[in-house]
Each structure stands twice: as C-alpha cells, then as structure tokens.
C-alpha cells in the first residue's frame, strides 16, 4: 500500500491531495484540498499569470497541510511526492515544483514529475474514500478496479486542450511517451473549454463562462440558431472552434441591435453548447469506430458539462458500442492534485522517480513537446 502526496499548481487552482494506491485497485483519495482562483481572476476576464503564481505562493502550504489533516497522516508517513511540472504557466508551475522539491528533499522521499494531461487521463481510476475508517492502521483494502476493455478512446477536453488518444495499455504500463505515441487528434486553434468561455464572455457572462452557458442552456432550444461545426471531413480527428466564436459574435451583434439578446439568451446558449458538443461527438464516434475502440473515457473540465454527459450516455450504445462511457467524478474533472498523485503512483511503480540530490534538478517546463 502506497501513500502519495500530490501537488498541482499549473494554472489557477492550487491543490494538494493524499491518495492511497495498491496495484489493481482504485486510487483512493484520502485527503484533497483545492483553492480556486476563479474569483481573483474574474475581474480580468481570464487568468493573469503573475497574479496566479503569487497566489499559489500564499496557498500551497495551507493546501498541503489541509490535505494531510483530512487524510489524518503526518508528512513523514507519505511514501512519495508527485507534482505537476508540465505544461502550464511558468511561474505557477515553479511554485508547485519548488515546494515539492523542498518537501521531498527534507523528508528523503522520492519525487515524481507528472505531465498535467497524464493526470487528467488518470482521473478515471480515482475514487473518494471507500470506507469509514480513515486511519493509516487497520484499513480495509481499496476496492478492486474494474478496468475498461482496451483499446480505449481517451478524450481530454478542458480549457486548454481538446485531444483524442487511443489507450492500448493500462496506466501501470504507460510508456514514457504515452501521450505522444497515442495522440490521434487535437484542436487546431481554441480548446473546447476556451470556446465555452470566450463565447460566454461575448454574451456578457462572468469568467469562467462555461458553467453559465450550461446553466442557461437548460431552458433553451439547441436548434434555434444555426452555428458552424468545423472540420466535418472524415479524414481528420482534429477540432476547430475559432469559426464558432466568430459566428456567435456576429449573431450577438445582430440580436443586440434588434434588442432581442436578453429574450434569446437561453436559445443562443443552448445552440452554442450543442455546436460544441456536436463537434466533439462527431470526432469521438469517428475515431472510436476507425480505431476499433471498445470503450471511451472523457476527462477534463468540459467532461463536467451536463449536455455532453447526457448525449454521450444516451447515444454511445446507439453507435454500436457496448461499454458505457466513463467520466471522472465531477470534483476530479477540473484541475486537482488527486489526479496528479494518481498519475504519480503509476509512474512510481515503474521506477520513474527522482531521489536524493537528483530531485533538485527537476524543473518546470511550461511548453513541453508533448
């Protein structure tokens, strides 16, 4: 049984988590503390890197202490530390990496560098506490994991990425170049989460806007406005959302001129959401069929979108697939340290960790090749 402390500071969430891992079992979250900077960045309409990194400096230690307290363990009880070191905002990443290095060096624990997207990929294997007892002694074994049939189509859909991967092996066997080797499609411009947030900003919603579009769209007609779905060709698994932003801006201007924006807002939000979901699903279905995938997992912040979940759940079987689509629990969709610790656990058992003086060489990599 392995206890791992994860640290995530790649963008505007400062998070720490303690997870418990045993091969062949679910990742069990023993403690999770996350400080979201949404309210701090809202006046600026998006994340301000300098403000983000300064706030991480103030909150990283309290988050670590809270996660340890919830898990009811001491820092010296952990077996390893995992930290996001790529990709992300340079200053924000450096806060987490520096904190993890200092703690690992002082405690003489191994340190695992985690790619943020591998963390999202690992999130489907995470569960909250699976039993009442939270003490480190006399704990029941974690629940046996029911692994999805392979190959699995993995869709990472977030504010910064919209990528498709074909996962042919379970995470304990991921090669070091797993993300590069298995990538089959990506957004050529904005990510789906960006498309939600930027169109929401056009409509006057506060940052982050995706949740507001989702909420407002519930009473709207998704077919009220004709909005573009880019790259319909079957020769590519790539996405594009820049044309959607332009179309929404033009439609909004017309409605404002006619003084109809307020009365049409629910319909417009529903139409925007449907356009984004249509674009995602068309490529997901295409890729799954052409790559012979037997299962599907959708992770990342946009995986929490209610329309995407509803349509995938109802349509997946109709597309000829037997296994129900997998989604992380909603608290593990957005950036969090539990997913970082989980990915760290998989890398740790492969022997991919820094130890001793070597861990001091770990650095933040804002824009890695993969």
Protein backbone atom coordinates (compact mmCIF):
# COMPACT_ATOMS: atom_id res chain seq x y z
CA UNK A 1 0.00 0.00 0.00
CA UNK A 2 1.48 3.35 -1.07
CA UNK A 3 0.60 6.83 0.18
CA UNK A 4 1.39 9.65 -2.24
CA UNK A 5 1.12 13.40 -1.78
CA UNK A 6 0.21 15.20 -4.99
CA UNK A 7 0.69 18.92 -5.70
CA UNK A 8 -0.96 20.80 -8.60
CA UNK A 9 -0.28 24.48 -9.42
CA UNK A 10 -0.17 24.53 -13.22
CA UNK A 11 -2.74 27.30 -13.74
CA UNK A 12 -5.34 28.85 -11.41
CA UNK A 13 -6.07 26.00 -8.97
CA UNK A 14 -3.74 25.38 -6.05
CA UNK A 15 -4.35 21.83 -4.92
CA UNK A 16 -2.82 19.15 -2.69
CA UNK A 17 -4.02 15.61 -2.17
CA UNK A 18 -3.10 12.40 -0.38
CA UNK A 19 -4.03 9.21 -2.22
CA UNK A 20 -3.66 5.55 -1.36
CA UNK A 21 -2.64 3.16 -4.11
CA UNK A 22 -2.41 -0.57 -4.44
CA UNK A 23 -1.79 -2.24 -7.80
CA UNK A 24 -5.01 -3.49 -9.32
CA UNK A 25 -7.17 -1.29 -7.09
CA UNK A 26 -8.84 2.08 -7.47
CA UNK A 27 -6.87 5.16 -6.48
CA UNK A 28 -8.41 6.12 -3.14
CA UNK A 29 -8.45 9.81 -2.22
CA UNK A 30 -7.72 10.16 1.49
CA UNK A 31 -7.43 13.94 1.52
CA UNK A 32 -7.96 16.69 -1.05
CA UNK A 33 -7.68 20.46 -0.62
CA UNK A 34 -8.09 22.88 -3.53
CA UNK A 35 -8.09 26.66 -3.66
CA UNK A 36 -9.66 28.01 -6.85
CA UNK A 37 -8.59 31.46 -8.01
CA UNK A 38 -11.74 31.98 -10.10
CA UNK A 39 -12.91 34.93 -8.02
CA UNK A 40 -9.47 36.53 -8.16
CA UNK A 41 -9.23 36.43 -11.96
CA UNK A 42 -12.90 37.16 -12.72
CA UNK A 43 -12.46 40.98 -12.91
CA UNK A 44 -9.88 40.47 -15.69
CA UNK A 45 -11.96 38.03 -17.74
CA UNK A 46 -9.28 35.34 -17.64
CA UNK A 47 -6.20 34.09 -15.82
CA UNK A 48 -3.45 36.64 -15.14
CA UNK A 49 -0.20 34.60 -14.84
CA UNK A 50 1.58 36.88 -12.36
CA UNK A 51 -1.44 37.02 -10.06
CA UNK A 52 -1.84 33.25 -10.32
CA UNK A 53 1.74 32.47 -9.31
CA UNK A 54 1.71 34.96 -6.41
CA UNK A 55 -1.49 33.42 -5.05
CA UNK A 56 0.00 29.93 -5.30
CA UNK A 57 2.85 31.12 -3.09
CA UNK A 58 0.32 32.10 -0.44
CA UNK A 59 -1.85 28.99 -0.62
CA UNK A 60 0.36 25.97 -1.46
CA UNK A 61 1.48 25.26 2.11
CA UNK A 62 -2.02 25.65 3.62
CA UNK A 63 -3.38 23.26 0.95
CA UNK A 64 -0.71 20.66 1.74
CA UNK A 65 -1.43 20.94 5.46
CA UNK A 66 -5.19 20.64 4.90
CA UNK A 67 -4.82 17.55 2.68
CA UNK A 68 -2.61 15.85 5.27
CA UNK A 69 -5.04 16.79 8.03
CA UNK A 70 -8.03 15.35 6.14
CA UNK A 71 -6.09 12.15 5.46
CA UNK A 72 -5.14 12.08 9.16
CA UNK A 73 -1.48 11.39 8.48
CA UNK A 74 1.77 13.26 9.04
CA UNK A 75 4.04 14.36 6.21
CA UNK A 76 6.66 11.75 7.17
CA UNK A 77 4.04 8.99 6.67
CA UNK A 78 3.84 9.54 2.91
CA UNK A 79 5.87 7.28 0.62
CA UNK A 80 6.39 9.69 -2.29
CA UNK A 81 5.51 13.12 -3.65
CA UNK A 82 4.12 13.82 -7.12
CA UNK A 83 3.97 17.27 -8.70
CA UNK A 84 2.82 18.74 -12.00
CA UNK A 85 5.90 20.11 -13.75
CA UNK A 86 4.47 20.44 -17.31
CA UNK A 87 2.68 22.05 -19.13
CA UNK A 88 1.27 25.24 -17.62
CA UNK A 89 2.10 28.79 -16.59
CA UNK A 90 5.83 29.07 -15.85
CA UNK A 91 5.55 30.94 -12.57
CA UNK A 92 2.64 28.84 -11.35
CA UNK A 93 4.43 25.57 -12.11
CA UNK A 94 7.58 26.77 -10.36
CA UNK A 95 5.70 27.30 -7.10
CA UNK A 96 4.48 23.70 -7.02
CA UNK A 97 7.76 22.22 -8.23
CA UNK A 98 9.81 24.20 -5.71
CA UNK A 99 7.51 23.23 -2.85
CA UNK A 100 7.57 19.55 -3.84
CA UNK A 101 11.36 19.52 -4.19
CA UNK A 102 11.87 21.12 -0.79
CA UNK A 103 9.48 18.73 0.94
CA UNK A 104 10.81 15.63 -0.80
CA UNK A 105 14.42 16.56 -0.04
CA UNK A 106 13.70 17.32 3.61
CA UNK A 107 11.71 14.10 4.11
CA UNK A 108 14.06 11.98 1.96
CA UNK A 109 11.16 10.80 -0.20
CA UNK A 110 11.13 10.07 -3.95
CA UNK A 111 9.73 12.80 -6.21
CA UNK A 112 7.69 12.07 -9.34
CA UNK A 113 7.31 14.62 -12.16
CA UNK A 114 3.82 14.48 -13.69
CA UNK A 115 2.54 15.70 -17.05
CA UNK A 116 -0.72 17.56 -16.39
CA UNK A 117 -2.55 15.67 -19.16
CA UNK A 118 -1.45 12.32 -17.75
CA UNK A 119 -3.10 13.47 -14.54
CA UNK A 120 -6.40 14.01 -16.38
CA UNK A 121 -6.02 10.60 -18.03
CA UNK A 122 -5.52 9.00 -14.61
CA UNK A 123 -8.65 10.65 -13.18
CA UNK A 124 -10.97 7.85 -14.37
CA UNK A 125 -9.22 5.49 -11.93
CA UNK A 126 -9.89 7.71 -8.87
CA UNK A 127 -12.47 7.16 -6.15
CA UNK A 128 -13.22 9.07 -2.97
CA UNK A 129 -12.81 7.32 0.41
CA UNK A 130 -14.23 3.84 0.06
CA UNK A 131 -14.73 3.06 3.73
CA UNK A 132 -15.48 4.76 7.03
CA UNK A 133 -12.13 4.33 8.71
CA UNK A 134 -9.55 6.91 7.65
CA UNK A 135 -6.70 5.88 9.92
CA UNK A 136 -3.45 4.59 8.46
CA UNK A 137 -3.75 1.41 10.55
CA UNK A 138 -6.39 -1.30 10.30
CA UNK A 139 -7.72 -0.05 6.97
CA UNK A 140 -9.61 -2.27 4.59
CA UNK A 141 -8.09 -2.85 1.18
CA UNK A 142 -9.22 -0.49 -1.60
CA UNK A 143 -11.92 -1.79 -3.94
CA UNK A 144 -10.71 -3.93 -6.81
CA UNK A 145 -10.58 -1.94 -10.01
CA UNK A 146 -12.81 -2.93 -12.90
CA UNK A 147 -10.69 -1.93 -15.87
CA UNK A 148 -12.35 -0.86 -19.14
CA UNK A 149 -11.80 -3.05 -22.19
CA UNK A 150 -8.96 -1.92 -24.44
CA UNK A 151 -8.28 -0.19 -26.72
CA UNK A 152 -9.92 2.79 -25.02
CA UNK A 153 -10.55 6.11 -26.73
CA UNK A 154 -9.50 8.85 -24.31
CA UNK A 155 -10.85 12.36 -24.87
CA UNK A 156 -9.16 15.07 -22.81
CA UNK A 157 -11.48 18.08 -23.10
CA UNK A 158 -10.60 21.11 -20.99
CA UNK A 159 -9.96 24.84 -21.08
CA UNK A 160 -6.51 24.35 -22.56
CA UNK A 161 -6.72 21.09 -24.50
CA UNK A 162 -9.05 19.11 -26.74
CA UNK A 163 -7.15 15.93 -27.60
CA UNK A 164 -8.01 12.37 -28.58
CA UNK A 165 -5.81 9.41 -27.63
CA UNK A 166 -6.03 5.67 -28.18
CA UNK A 167 -5.05 3.93 -24.94
CA UNK A 168 -3.86 0.39 -25.65
CA UNK A 169 -2.44 -0.50 -22.23
CA UNK A 170 -3.47 0.19 -18.63
CA UNK A 171 -1.79 3.13 -16.85
CA UNK A 172 0.66 0.95 -14.94
CA UNK A 173 2.17 0.09 -18.34
CA UNK A 174 2.07 3.52 -19.97
CA UNK A 175 5.33 4.18 -21.84
CA UNK A 176 7.13 7.41 -21.01
CA UNK A 177 5.99 8.84 -24.35
CA UNK A 178 2.40 7.64 -23.82
CA UNK A 179 0.82 10.99 -24.75
CA UNK A 180 2.88 11.44 -27.90
CA UNK A 181 2.54 7.83 -29.02
CA UNK A 182 -1.23 7.59 -28.56
CA UNK A 183 -2.34 11.05 -29.79
CA UNK A 184 -4.61 10.88 -32.86
CA UNK A 185 -6.44 14.23 -32.85
CA UNK A 186 -6.31 17.70 -31.32
CA UNK A 187 -7.77 21.18 -31.64
CA UNK A 188 -6.12 23.28 -34.32
CA UNK A 189 -6.97 26.52 -32.51
CA UNK A 190 -9.02 27.00 -29.34
CA UNK A 191 -9.82 24.18 -26.95
CA UNK A 192 -13.48 23.35 -26.30
CA UNK A 193 -13.28 24.95 -22.86
CA UNK A 194 -11.91 28.14 -24.41
CA UNK A 195 -14.79 28.15 -26.88
CA UNK A 196 -17.26 27.97 -23.98
CA UNK A 197 -15.51 30.71 -22.01
CA UNK A 198 -14.92 33.09 -24.92
CA UNK A 199 -18.44 32.85 -26.34
CA UNK A 200 -19.76 33.30 -22.80
CA UNK A 201 -17.69 36.48 -22.47
CA UNK A 202 -19.22 37.76 -25.73
CA UNK A 203 -22.64 37.22 -24.17
CA UNK A 204 -21.66 39.12 -21.02
CA UNK A 205 -21.28 36.20 -18.61
CA UNK A 206 -18.58 36.36 -15.92
CA UNK A 207 -15.42 34.24 -16.07
CA UNK A 208 -15.33 31.26 -16.27
CA UNK A 209 -18.27 31.22 -18.63
CA UNK A 210 -18.72 27.54 -19.47
CA UNK A 211 -20.79 26.82 -16.38
CA UNK A 212 -23.07 29.80 -17.16
CA UNK A 213 -23.72 28.61 -20.69
CA UNK A 214 -24.50 25.13 -19.37
CA UNK A 215 -26.91 26.53 -16.79
CA UNK A 216 -28.66 29.00 -19.13
CA UNK A 217 -28.94 26.46 -21.94
CA UNK A 218 -31.18 24.16 -19.89
CA UNK A 219 -34.28 26.18 -20.83
CA UNK A 220 -33.22 26.90 -24.41
CA UNK A 221 -33.74 25.36 -27.83
CA UNK A 222 -30.46 23.88 -29.12
CA UNK A 223 -31.66 24.20 -32.73
CA UNK A 224 -32.74 27.84 -32.53
CA UNK A 225 -29.57 29.21 -34.15
CA UNK A 226 -27.53 27.72 -36.96
CA UNK A 227 -23.90 27.74 -35.83
CA UNK A 228 -20.92 26.15 -37.64
CA UNK A 229 -19.39 22.75 -36.92
CA UNK A 230 -15.88 22.95 -38.34
CA UNK A 231 -13.82 20.16 -39.95
CA UNK A 232 -16.66 17.78 -40.81
CA UNK A 233 -14.32 15.72 -43.02
CA UNK A 234 -13.84 12.07 -42.08
CA UNK A 235 -10.14 12.23 -42.92
CA UNK A 236 -9.22 14.00 -39.67
CA UNK A 237 -9.86 13.64 -35.96
CA UNK A 238 -8.88 17.27 -35.32
CA UNK A 239 -11.16 20.00 -33.97
CA UNK A 240 -11.59 23.72 -34.63
CA UNK A 241 -13.69 26.21 -32.68
CA UNK A 242 -12.48 29.60 -33.93
CA UNK A 243 -15.26 29.87 -36.54
CA UNK A 244 -17.85 29.24 -33.84
CA UNK A 245 -16.59 32.21 -31.83
CA UNK A 246 -16.86 34.48 -34.86
CA UNK A 247 -20.37 33.26 -35.66
CA UNK A 248 -21.52 33.84 -32.08
CA UNK A 249 -20.05 37.35 -32.08
CA UNK A 250 -21.92 38.23 -35.30
CA UNK A 251 -25.18 36.70 -34.04
CA UNK A 252 -24.87 38.52 -30.74
CA UNK A 253 -24.33 41.84 -32.51
CA UNK A 254 -27.48 41.30 -34.60
CA UNK A 255 -29.58 40.42 -31.55
CA UNK A 256 -28.29 43.41 -29.60
CA UNK A 257 -29.11 45.72 -32.49
CA UNK A 258 -32.66 44.34 -32.55
CA UNK A 259 -32.87 44.48 -28.74
CA UNK A 260 -33.53 40.72 -28.66
CA UNK A 261 -30.43 39.38 -26.92
CA UNK A 262 -31.97 39.02 -23.47
CA UNK A 263 -35.07 37.21 -24.73
CA UNK A 264 -32.97 34.95 -26.97
CA UNK A 265 -30.18 34.22 -24.48
CA UNK A 266 -31.30 30.72 -23.43
CA UNK A 267 -31.75 29.64 -27.07
CA UNK A 268 -28.39 31.08 -28.07
CA UNK A 269 -26.60 29.38 -25.16
CA UNK A 270 -28.28 26.07 -25.99
CA UNK A 271 -27.23 26.44 -29.64
CA UNK A 272 -23.62 27.25 -28.69
CA UNK A 273 -23.45 24.27 -26.37
CA UNK A 274 -24.97 21.98 -28.99
CA UNK A 275 -22.46 23.12 -31.62
CA UNK A 276 -19.53 22.38 -29.33
CA UNK A 277 -20.94 19.02 -28.21
CA UNK A 278 -21.76 18.06 -31.83
CA UNK A 279 -18.18 18.84 -32.88
CA UNK A 280 -16.79 16.75 -30.03
CA UNK A 281 -19.09 13.78 -30.53
CA UNK A 282 -18.70 13.56 -34.31
CA UNK A 283 -14.93 13.11 -33.96
CA UNK A 284 -15.22 10.85 -30.92
CA UNK A 285 -17.58 8.47 -32.75
CA UNK A 286 -15.45 8.55 -35.90
CA UNK A 287 -12.20 7.87 -34.05
CA UNK A 288 -13.69 5.13 -31.89
CA UNK A 289 -15.03 3.25 -34.92
CA UNK A 290 -11.97 3.63 -37.12
CA UNK A 291 -9.54 2.62 -34.35
CA UNK A 292 -11.61 -0.30 -33.13
CA UNK A 293 -12.02 1.12 -29.63
CA UNK A 294 -14.05 -0.93 -27.19
CA UNK A 295 -14.52 1.76 -24.56
CA UNK A 296 -14.46 5.53 -24.09
CA UNK A 297 -13.36 7.90 -21.34
CA UNK A 298 -13.94 11.67 -21.35
CA UNK A 299 -11.89 13.68 -18.84
CA UNK A 300 -11.03 17.32 -18.15
CA UNK A 301 -13.13 20.30 -17.14
CA UNK A 302 -15.57 20.06 -20.05
CA UNK A 303 -16.32 16.44 -19.03
CA UNK A 304 -18.50 18.00 -16.32
CA UNK A 305 -20.78 19.60 -18.94
CA UNK A 306 -24.30 18.23 -18.47
CA UNK A 307 -25.24 18.17 -22.17
CA UNK A 308 -22.08 16.30 -23.16
CA UNK A 309 -22.66 13.69 -20.46
CA UNK A 310 -26.33 13.29 -21.30
CA UNK A 311 -25.83 12.86 -25.03
CA UNK A 312 -22.87 10.52 -24.72
CA UNK A 313 -24.66 8.37 -22.17
CA UNK A 314 -27.75 8.07 -24.38
CA UNK A 315 -26.04 7.83 -27.79
CA UNK A 316 -22.98 5.69 -27.15
CA UNK A 317 -24.84 2.38 -27.27
CA UNK A 318 -26.76 3.52 -30.35
CA UNK A 319 -23.40 3.98 -32.06
CA UNK A 320 -22.79 0.26 -31.61
CA UNK A 321 -20.58 0.31 -28.51
CA UNK A 322 -21.36 -1.99 -25.57
CA UNK A 323 -19.35 -0.47 -22.70
CA UNK A 324 -20.85 2.67 -21.12
CA UNK A 325 -18.70 5.82 -21.47
CA UNK A 326 -16.55 6.65 -18.46
CA UNK A 327 -16.41 10.06 -16.77
CA UNK A 328 -14.46 11.06 -13.65
CA UNK A 329 -16.46 12.16 -10.64
CA UNK A 330 -17.16 15.85 -11.17
CA UNK A 331 -14.73 17.05 -8.50
CA UNK A 332 -11.93 15.28 -10.41
CA UNK A 333 -12.80 16.81 -13.80
CA UNK A 334 -11.26 20.21 -13.10
CA UNK A 335 -7.60 20.59 -12.16
CA UNK A 336 -6.86 18.84 -8.87
CA UNK A 337 -3.97 17.20 -7.06
CA UNK A 338 -5.66 13.80 -6.68
CA UNK A 339 -5.24 13.15 -10.39
CA UNK A 340 -1.60 14.27 -10.19
CA UNK A 341 -0.95 11.90 -7.30
CA UNK A 342 -2.68 9.10 -9.24
CA UNK A 343 -0.51 9.62 -12.32
CA UNK A 344 2.48 9.82 -9.99
CA UNK A 345 1.57 6.46 -8.48
CA UNK A 346 1.58 4.82 -11.90
CA UNK A 347 4.98 6.31 -12.73
CA UNK A 348 6.39 5.46 -9.31
CA UNK A 349 5.79 1.72 -9.66
CA UNK A 350 7.62 1.89 -12.99
CA UNK A 351 10.64 3.30 -11.18
CA UNK A 352 10.35 6.77 -12.74
CA UNK A 353 11.14 8.98 -9.75
CA UNK A 354 13.86 11.38 -8.64
CA UNK A 355 15.72 10.53 -5.45
CA UNK A 356 18.35 12.17 -3.27
CA UNK A 357 20.25 15.06 -4.81
CA UNK A 358 18.87 14.22 -8.26
CA UNK A 359 15.44 15.57 -7.35
CA UNK A 360 16.93 19.06 -7.06
CA UNK A 361 17.41 19.03 -10.84
CA UNK A 362 13.68 18.87 -11.56
CA UNK A 363 12.41 21.98 -13.32
CA UNK A 364 9.13 23.41 -14.60
CA UNK A 365 8.50 23.04 -18.35
CA UNK A 366 5.75 25.44 -19.48
CA UNK A 367 5.55 24.19 -23.09
CA UNK A 368 6.82 20.63 -23.49
CA UNK A 369 6.92 18.96 -26.91
CA UNK A 370 4.15 16.60 -25.80
